[in-house]
N, C-alpha and C. Protein backbone atom coordinates (compact mmCIF):
# COMPACT_ATOMS: atom_id res chain seq x y z
N UNK A 1 18.75 -23.15 -5.33
CA UNK A 1 18.72 -22.02 -4.68
C UNK A 1 19.04 -21.22 -5.52
N UNK A 2 17.72 -19.51 -5.79
CA UNK A 2 18.40 -18.49 -6.74
C UNK A 2 16.91 -17.34 -5.07
N UNK A 3 18.37 -16.88 -4.88
CA UNK A 3 18.67 -15.69 -3.87
C UNK A 3 18.13 -17.12 -2.00
N UNK A 4 16.89 -16.80 -1.88
CA UNK A 4 16.60 -16.24 -1.12
C UNK A 4 15.57 -18.16 -1.02
N UNK A 5 14.88 -17.76 -2.69
CA UNK A 5 13.65 -18.84 -3.12
C UNK A 5 15.02 -20.13 -3.65
N UNK A 6 13.51 -21.56 -3.65
CA UNK A 6 13.88 -22.87 -3.72
C UNK A 6 13.52 -22.51 -5.39
N UNK A 7 13.98 -23.42 -5.84
CA UNK A 7 13.38 -23.88 -7.61
C UNK A 7 13.39 -24.91 -7.61
N UNK A 8 11.74 -25.71 -7.73
CA UNK A 8 12.01 -27.26 -6.87
C UNK A 8 10.76 -27.73 -8.70
N UNK A 9 11.93 -28.93 -8.77
CA UNK A 9 11.08 -30.09 -9.95
C UNK A 9 9.49 -30.88 -9.43
N UNK A 10 8.43 -31.84 -9.69
CA UNK A 10 7.66 -32.16 -8.95
C UNK A 10 7.21 -32.46 -9.74
N UNK A 11 7.17 -33.79 -10.36
CA UNK A 11 5.83 -35.03 -10.79
C UNK A 11 4.81 -34.74 -9.83
N UNK A 12 3.40 -34.51 -10.26
CA UNK A 12 2.29 -34.95 -10.19
C UNK A 12 1.43 -36.26 -10.55
N UNK A 13 0.42 -36.66 -9.58
CA UNK A 13 -0.67 -37.27 -9.95
C UNK A 13 -1.97 -37.70 -8.91
N UNK A 14 -2.48 -37.10 -9.16
CA UNK A 14 -3.89 -37.25 -8.09
C UNK A 14 -4.11 -35.96 -8.05
N UNK A 15 -4.31 -35.70 -7.06
CA UNK A 15 -5.40 -35.19 -5.93
C UNK A 15 -4.15 -34.72 -4.89
N UNK A 16 -3.84 -33.59 -3.96
CA UNK A 16 -3.53 -33.44 -2.61
C UNK A 16 -4.07 -32.19 -1.98
N UNK A 17 -3.65 -32.30 -1.00
CA UNK A 17 -4.32 -31.61 0.40
C UNK A 17 -4.67 -30.09 0.09
N UNK A 18 -6.37 -30.12 0.62
CA UNK A 18 -6.56 -28.40 1.32
C UNK A 18 -4.93 -27.16 1.99
N UNK A 19 -5.04 -26.60 1.18
CA UNK A 19 -3.32 -26.26 2.15
C UNK A 19 -3.83 -24.68 1.74
N UNK A 20 -3.32 -23.53 3.04
CA UNK A 20 -3.01 -22.24 2.62
C UNK A 20 -1.32 -22.16 3.07
N UNK A 21 -0.33 -21.05 2.38
CA UNK A 21 0.44 -20.68 2.53
C UNK A 21 0.30 -19.32 3.32
N UNK A 22 1.10 -18.96 4.21
CA UNK A 22 0.31 -17.66 5.10
C UNK A 22 1.36 -15.94 4.91
N UNK A 23 2.46 -16.90 4.31
CA UNK A 23 3.54 -16.20 4.40
C UNK A 23 3.62 -15.90 2.97
N UNK A 24 4.20 -16.66 1.72
CA UNK A 24 4.77 -16.44 1.08
C UNK A 24 4.15 -16.71 -0.12
N UNK A 25 4.11 -16.10 -1.61
CA UNK A 25 3.29 -16.70 -2.91
C UNK A 25 3.80 -17.33 -2.41
N UNK A 26 3.48 -18.00 -3.77
CA UNK A 26 4.22 -19.78 -4.50
C UNK A 26 3.11 -19.55 -6.40
N UNK A 27 4.70 -19.94 -6.84
CA UNK A 27 4.08 -19.94 -8.17
C UNK A 27 4.78 -20.90 -8.65
N UNK A 28 3.28 -21.69 -9.68
CA UNK A 28 3.55 -22.96 -10.57
C UNK A 28 3.51 -22.19 -11.69
N UNK A 29 4.90 -23.28 -12.18
CA UNK A 29 4.41 -23.66 -13.56
C UNK A 29 4.63 -25.41 -14.13
N UNK A 30 3.93 -25.38 -14.76
CA UNK A 30 3.33 -26.96 -15.84
C UNK A 30 4.45 -26.85 -17.10
N UNK A 31 4.95 -27.57 -16.49
CA UNK A 31 5.87 -28.12 -17.76
C UNK A 31 5.76 -29.52 -18.61
N UNK A 32 4.56 -29.66 -18.56
CA UNK A 32 4.42 -31.40 -19.25
C UNK A 32 3.23 -31.78 -18.74
N UNK A 33 2.06 -32.22 -19.33
CA UNK A 33 0.77 -33.31 -18.51
C UNK A 33 -0.15 -31.35 -18.63
N UNK A 34 -0.96 -31.44 -17.74
CA UNK A 34 -2.06 -30.23 -17.26
C UNK A 34 -2.49 -30.69 -15.85
N UNK A 35 -2.27 -29.46 -15.21
CA UNK A 35 -3.06 -29.45 -13.71
C UNK A 35 -3.45 -28.21 -13.10
N UNK A 36 -5.14 -28.40 -12.45
CA UNK A 36 -5.30 -27.97 -12.38
C UNK A 36 -5.76 -27.35 -10.43
N UNK A 37 -5.32 -26.08 -10.44
CA UNK A 37 -5.22 -25.31 -8.71
C UNK A 37 -6.51 -24.98 -8.95
N UNK A 38 -7.32 -25.59 -8.10
CA UNK A 38 -8.41 -25.91 -7.22
C UNK A 38 -8.57 -24.47 -5.74
N UNK A 39 -8.83 -23.94 -6.25
CA UNK A 39 -9.66 -22.99 -5.43
C UNK A 39 -11.08 -22.98 -4.83
N UNK A 40 -10.89 -22.37 -3.93
CA UNK A 40 -12.48 -22.53 -3.00
C UNK A 40 -13.52 -21.96 -3.75
N UNK A 41 -13.47 -20.90 -4.75
CA UNK A 41 -14.06 -19.61 -6.31
C UNK A 41 -14.11 -19.73 -7.14
N UNK A 42 -13.17 -21.28 -7.64
CA UNK A 42 -13.13 -21.82 -8.90
C UNK A 42 -11.80 -22.32 -9.25
N UNK A 43 -12.25 -23.05 -10.72
CA UNK A 43 -10.30 -23.99 -10.67
C UNK A 43 -9.84 -23.25 -11.42
N UNK A 44 -8.22 -23.02 -12.00
CA UNK A 44 -7.31 -22.98 -12.42
C UNK A 44 -6.34 -23.41 -13.20
N UNK A 45 -7.20 -24.27 -14.94
CA UNK A 45 -5.94 -24.79 -15.85
C UNK A 45 -5.49 -24.62 -16.03
N UNK A 46 -4.13 -25.52 -16.35
CA UNK A 46 -2.87 -24.49 -16.47
C UNK A 46 -2.24 -25.72 -17.72
N UNK A 47 -2.15 -25.64 -19.05
CA UNK A 47 -1.28 -26.66 -19.86
C UNK A 47 0.55 -25.87 -19.94
N UNK A 48 1.29 -26.93 -20.47
CA UNK A 48 2.57 -26.88 -20.44
C UNK A 48 2.70 -25.02 -20.99
N UNK A 49 3.79 -24.81 -20.02
CA UNK A 49 3.83 -22.91 -20.02
C UNK A 49 3.05 -22.38 -19.96
N UNK A 50 2.12 -22.63 -19.24
CA UNK A 50 1.66 -21.81 -18.26
C UNK A 50 1.41 -21.85 -17.09
N UNK A 51 1.72 -20.43 -16.54
CA UNK A 51 2.21 -20.55 -14.91
C UNK A 51 0.83 -19.74 -14.10
N UNK A 52 1.04 -19.73 -13.19
CA UNK A 52 -0.37 -19.94 -12.20
C UNK A 52 0.70 -19.07 -10.72
N UNK A 53 0.65 -17.60 -10.28
CA UNK A 53 0.67 -17.56 -8.80
C UNK A 53 0.11 -17.63 -7.60
N UNK A 54 -0.34 -18.53 -6.84
CA UNK A 54 -1.78 -18.21 -5.81
C UNK A 54 -0.32 -17.54 -4.87
N UNK A 55 -1.84 -16.97 -4.42
CA UNK A 55 -1.45 -15.56 -3.44
C UNK A 55 -1.58 -15.81 -1.96
N UNK A 56 -0.26 -15.50 -1.69
CA UNK A 56 -0.59 -16.75 0.24
C UNK A 56 -1.68 -15.82 1.16
N UNK A 57 -1.59 -17.05 1.52
CA UNK A 57 -3.06 -16.73 2.57
C UNK A 57 -4.86 -17.54 2.06
N UNK A 58 -4.48 -17.92 -0.30
CA UNK A 58 -4.87 -18.37 -0.54
C UNK A 58 -5.14 -19.60 -1.00
N UNK A 59 -6.93 -20.59 -0.03
CA UNK A 59 -5.99 -22.00 0.19
C UNK A 59 -6.95 -22.22 -1.26
N UNK A 60 -5.93 -23.04 -1.19
CA UNK A 60 -6.20 -24.30 -2.48
C UNK A 60 -5.62 -25.65 -2.25
N UNK A 61 -5.55 -26.31 -3.88
CA UNK A 61 -5.23 -28.03 -3.52
C UNK A 61 -4.81 -28.44 -5.11
N UNK A 62 -4.17 -29.31 -5.99
CA UNK A 62 -3.69 -28.43 -6.78
C UNK A 62 -4.26 -30.68 -7.46
N UNK A 63 -4.68 -30.73 -8.34
CA UNK A 63 -5.55 -32.42 -8.81
C UNK A 63 -4.58 -32.35 -10.57
N UNK A 64 -4.55 -33.17 -10.24
CA UNK A 64 -3.32 -33.84 -11.76
C UNK A 64 -4.11 -35.23 -12.25
N UNK A 65 -5.05 -35.39 -12.71
CA UNK A 65 -5.80 -36.65 -13.60
C UNK A 65 -4.44 -37.49 -14.77
N UNK A 66 -3.43 -36.87 -15.21
CA UNK A 66 -2.49 -37.29 -15.69
C UNK A 66 -1.01 -36.87 -15.12
N UNK A 67 0.45 -37.86 -15.17
CA UNK A 67 1.65 -37.17 -14.98
C UNK A 67 2.03 -36.03 -15.99
N UNK A 68 1.89 -35.12 -14.07
CA UNK A 68 1.96 -34.30 -14.43
C UNK A 68 3.74 -33.07 -14.12
N UNK A 69 4.16 -32.78 -15.31
CA UNK A 69 5.65 -32.43 -14.30
C UNK A 69 5.33 -30.61 -14.76
N UNK A 70 5.60 -30.26 -12.69
CA UNK A 70 5.61 -28.51 -12.92
C UNK A 70 6.96 -28.03 -12.73
N UNK A 71 7.50 -26.45 -11.78
CA UNK A 71 8.04 -25.78 -11.17
C UNK A 71 7.98 -25.06 -10.77
N UNK A 72 8.09 -25.03 -9.65
CA UNK A 72 7.41 -24.06 -8.33
C UNK A 72 8.90 -22.90 -8.12
N UNK A 73 8.35 -22.08 -7.67
CA UNK A 73 9.70 -21.44 -6.97
C UNK A 73 8.44 -20.47 -5.27
N UNK A 74 9.27 -21.01 -4.17
CA UNK A 74 9.09 -20.22 -2.74
C UNK A 74 9.69 -19.79 -2.44
N UNK A 75 9.75 -19.11 -1.31
CA UNK A 75 10.63 -19.57 0.20
C UNK A 75 11.33 -20.37 0.17
N UNK A 76 12.70 -20.35 0.45
CA UNK A 76 13.65 -21.47 1.64
C UNK A 76 12.61 -21.52 2.15
N UNK A 77 12.48 -22.77 2.19
CA UNK A 77 12.02 -23.69 3.59
C UNK A 77 9.68 -23.95 3.78
N UNK A 78 9.43 -23.36 2.23
CA UNK A 78 8.40 -23.58 2.47
C UNK A 78 7.87 -24.69 2.67
N UNK A 79 7.23 -24.98 3.25
CA UNK A 79 6.12 -26.91 3.62
C UNK A 79 5.08 -26.39 2.66
N UNK A 80 5.51 -27.61 2.07
CA UNK A 80 4.04 -28.00 1.09
C UNK A 80 3.00 -28.28 1.41
N UNK A 81 2.35 -28.62 1.99
CA UNK A 81 1.40 -28.89 2.64
C UNK A 81 0.84 -27.51 3.35
N UNK A 82 1.54 -26.49 2.89
CA UNK A 82 1.35 -25.25 4.16
C UNK A 82 1.64 -25.27 5.86
N UNK A 83 -0.43 -24.52 5.50
CA UNK A 83 -0.72 -24.27 7.22
C UNK A 83 -1.63 -26.69 7.52
N UNK A 84 -1.98 -27.26 6.68
CA UNK A 84 -1.88 -28.23 7.25
C UNK A 84 -1.33 -29.11 7.80
N UNK A 85 -0.02 -28.63 7.28
CA UNK A 85 0.25 -30.66 7.47
C UNK A 85 0.03 -31.66 7.46
N UNK A 86 0.51 -32.73 8.04
CA UNK A 86 -0.14 -34.76 7.84
C UNK A 86 0.99 -35.49 7.57
N UNK A 87 0.99 -36.48 7.35
CA UNK A 87 0.91 -37.39 5.94
C UNK A 87 1.92 -36.94 4.67
N UNK A 88 1.78 -36.31 3.80
CA UNK A 88 2.04 -35.43 2.71
C UNK A 88 3.42 -34.70 3.24
N UNK A 89 2.97 -34.47 4.05
CA UNK A 89 4.44 -32.77 3.94
C UNK A 89 5.82 -34.06 4.26
N UNK A 90 6.33 -32.24 3.12
CA UNK A 90 7.59 -32.50 2.81
C UNK A 90 8.78 -31.93 2.92
N UNK A 91 10.30 -33.07 4.14
CA UNK A 91 10.76 -32.23 5.02
C UNK A 91 11.81 -31.10 3.80
N UNK A 92 11.61 -29.01 5.15
CA UNK A 92 12.54 -29.42 3.60
C UNK A 92 14.03 -29.85 3.06
N UNK A 93 14.42 -29.89 1.94
CA UNK A 93 15.56 -30.70 1.61
C UNK A 93 16.67 -28.85 1.69
N UNK A 94 17.65 -28.78 1.68
CA UNK A 94 18.21 -27.33 1.36
C UNK A 94 19.70 -27.80 0.28
N UNK A 95 19.83 -28.26 -0.56
CA UNK A 95 21.01 -28.77 -1.79
C UNK A 95 22.03 -27.36 -1.58
N UNK A 96 23.43 -27.07 -1.53
CA UNK A 96 24.39 -26.98 -1.83
C UNK A 96 25.82 -26.95 -2.47
């Protein structure tokens, strides 16, 4: 944790659910692989070392054709599926 933010590392492959985070912005940095962030009006494609900030309230989903490692920076307690919920929701874990 950094101040009131969580720094999360994740490995992705495949597509995720469309979702929105109403309150927080979400910073996504690609460590390895290639990540597509799908937005309703177009895609953002990121290679290693590139980042994108998904503004609060913007519906999006991630897509990785190959295993992709990312770093996420978002406020503590932010659900990975935002307002969508469902079986892919990961409960917040606080490490001390």
